[in-house]
Amino acid sequence: MNHEIKEEYLATLNNLELKEARRLIHFLAGYAMVVGGEENVMEMILKEVSEIKEKGY
């Protein structure tokens, strides 16, 4: 992987505003639904959110 792209990627993610993060989540979920199936992606998201809340991230 290109090191410069990785640095820019991480810096971009670390500096997202809440509104931007929500939009990105919707975009990525929509893309994943096309690739991996809508129900699978919804289940994955629900599981991940549950774990995040449980661990207090």
C-alpha atoms as a PDB file:
ATOM      1  CA  MET A   1       0.000   0.000   0.000  1.00  0.00           C
ATOM      2  CA  ASN A   2       1.198   3.506  -0.792  1.00  0.00           C
ATOM      3  CA  HIS A   3       2.501   5.008   2.476  1.00  0.00           C
ATOM      4  CA  GLU A   4       1.394   8.564   1.615  1.00  0.00           C
ATOM      5  CA  ILE A   5      -2.158   7.442   0.858  1.00  0.00           C
ATOM      6  CA  LYS A   6      -2.287   5.473   4.116  1.00  0.00           C
ATOM      7  CA  GLU A   7      -1.140   8.524   6.118  1.00  0.00           C
ATOM      8  CA  GLU A   8      -3.696  10.768   4.417  1.00  0.00           C
ATOM      9  CA  TYR A   9      -6.413   8.144   4.946  1.00  0.00           C
ATOM     10  CA  LEU A  10      -5.704   7.841   8.674  1.00  0.00           C
ATOM     11  CA  ALA A  11      -5.437  11.604   9.139  1.00  0.00           C
ATOM     12  CA  THR A  12      -8.727  12.106   7.307  1.00  0.00           C
ATOM     13  CA  LEU A  13     -10.565   9.515   9.404  1.00  0.00           C
ATOM     14  CA  ASN A  14      -9.139  10.905  12.639  1.00  0.00           C
ATOM     15  CA  ASN A  15     -10.348  14.411  11.805  1.00  0.00           C
ATOM     16  CA  LEU A  16     -13.923  13.690  10.705  1.00  0.00           C
ATOM     17  CA  GLU A  17     -16.737  15.713  12.203  1.00  0.00           C
ATOM     18  CA  LEU A  18     -19.721  13.724  13.500  1.00  0.00           C
ATOM     19  CA  LYS A  19     -21.868  14.712  10.507  1.00  0.00           C
ATOM     20  CA  GLU A  20     -19.130  13.647   8.087  1.00  0.00           C
ATOM     21  CA  ALA A  21     -18.626  10.344   9.922  1.00  0.00           C
ATOM     22  CA  ARG A  22     -22.334   9.533   9.736  1.00  0.00           C
ATOM     23  CA  ARG A  23     -22.413  10.257   6.009  1.00  0.00           C
ATOM     24  CA  LEU A  24     -19.333   8.091   5.468  1.00  0.00           C
ATOM     25  CA  ILE A  25     -20.912   5.225   7.431  1.00  0.00           C
ATOM     26  CA  HIS A  26     -24.047   5.392   5.267  1.00  0.00           C
ATOM     27  CA  PHE A  27     -21.952   5.481   2.090  1.00  0.00           C
ATOM     28  CA  LEU A  28     -19.795   2.513   3.098  1.00  0.00           C
ATOM     29  CA  ALA A  29     -22.782   0.514   4.338  1.00  0.00           C
ATOM     30  CA  GLY A  30     -24.574   1.109   1.042  1.00  0.00           C
ATOM     31  CA  TYR A  31     -21.532  -0.036  -0.892  1.00  0.00           C
ATOM     32  CA  ALA A  32     -21.127  -3.108   1.315  1.00  0.00           C
ATOM     33  CA  MET A  33     -24.805  -3.981   0.872  1.00  0.00           C
ATOM     34  CA  VAL A  34     -24.333  -4.145  -2.889  1.00  0.00           C
ATOM     35  CA  VAL A  35     -21.259  -6.345  -2.512  1.00  0.00           C
ATOM     36  CA  GLY A  36     -22.158  -8.488   0.494  1.00  0.00           C
ATOM     37  CA  GLY A  37     -25.909  -8.494   0.760  1.00  0.00           C
ATOM     38  CA  GLU A  38     -28.146  -6.066   2.599  1.00  0.00           C
ATOM     39  CA  GLU A  39     -29.136  -8.311   5.510  1.00  0.00           C
ATOM     40  CA  ASN A  40     -25.557  -9.458   6.183  1.00  0.00           C
ATOM     41  CA  VAL A  41     -24.323  -5.878   6.352  1.00  0.00           C
ATOM     42  CA  MET A  42     -27.156  -4.770   8.641  1.00  0.00           C
ATOM     43  CA  GLU A  43     -26.405  -7.660  11.017  1.00  0.00           C
ATOM     44  CA  MET A  44     -22.695  -6.836  10.972  1.00  0.00           C
ATOM     45  CA  ILE A  45     -23.358  -3.161  11.743  1.00  0.00           C
ATOM     46  CA  LEU A  46     -25.757  -3.992  14.587  1.00  0.00           C
ATOM     47  CA  LYS A  47     -23.215  -6.401  16.097  1.00  0.00           C
ATOM     48  CA  GLU A  48     -20.376  -3.882  15.839  1.00  0.00           C
ATOM     49  CA  VAL A  49     -22.429  -1.045  17.357  1.00  0.00           C
ATOM     50  CA  SER A  50     -23.442  -3.326  20.218  1.00  0.00           C
ATOM     51  CA  GLU A  51     -19.793  -4.182  20.895  1.00  0.00           C
ATOM     52  CA  ILE A  52     -18.771  -0.529  20.726  1.00  0.00           C
ATOM     53  CA  LYS A  53     -21.438   0.446  23.264  1.00  0.00           C
ATOM     54  CA  GLU A  54     -20.563  -2.498  25.504  1.00  0.00           C
ATOM     55  CA  LYS A  55     -16.860  -1.634  25.539  1.00  0.00           C
ATOM     56  CA  GLY A  56     -17.510   2.098  25.855  1.00  0.00           C
ATOM     57  CA  TYR A  57     -15.545   3.314  22.836  1.00  0.00           C
END
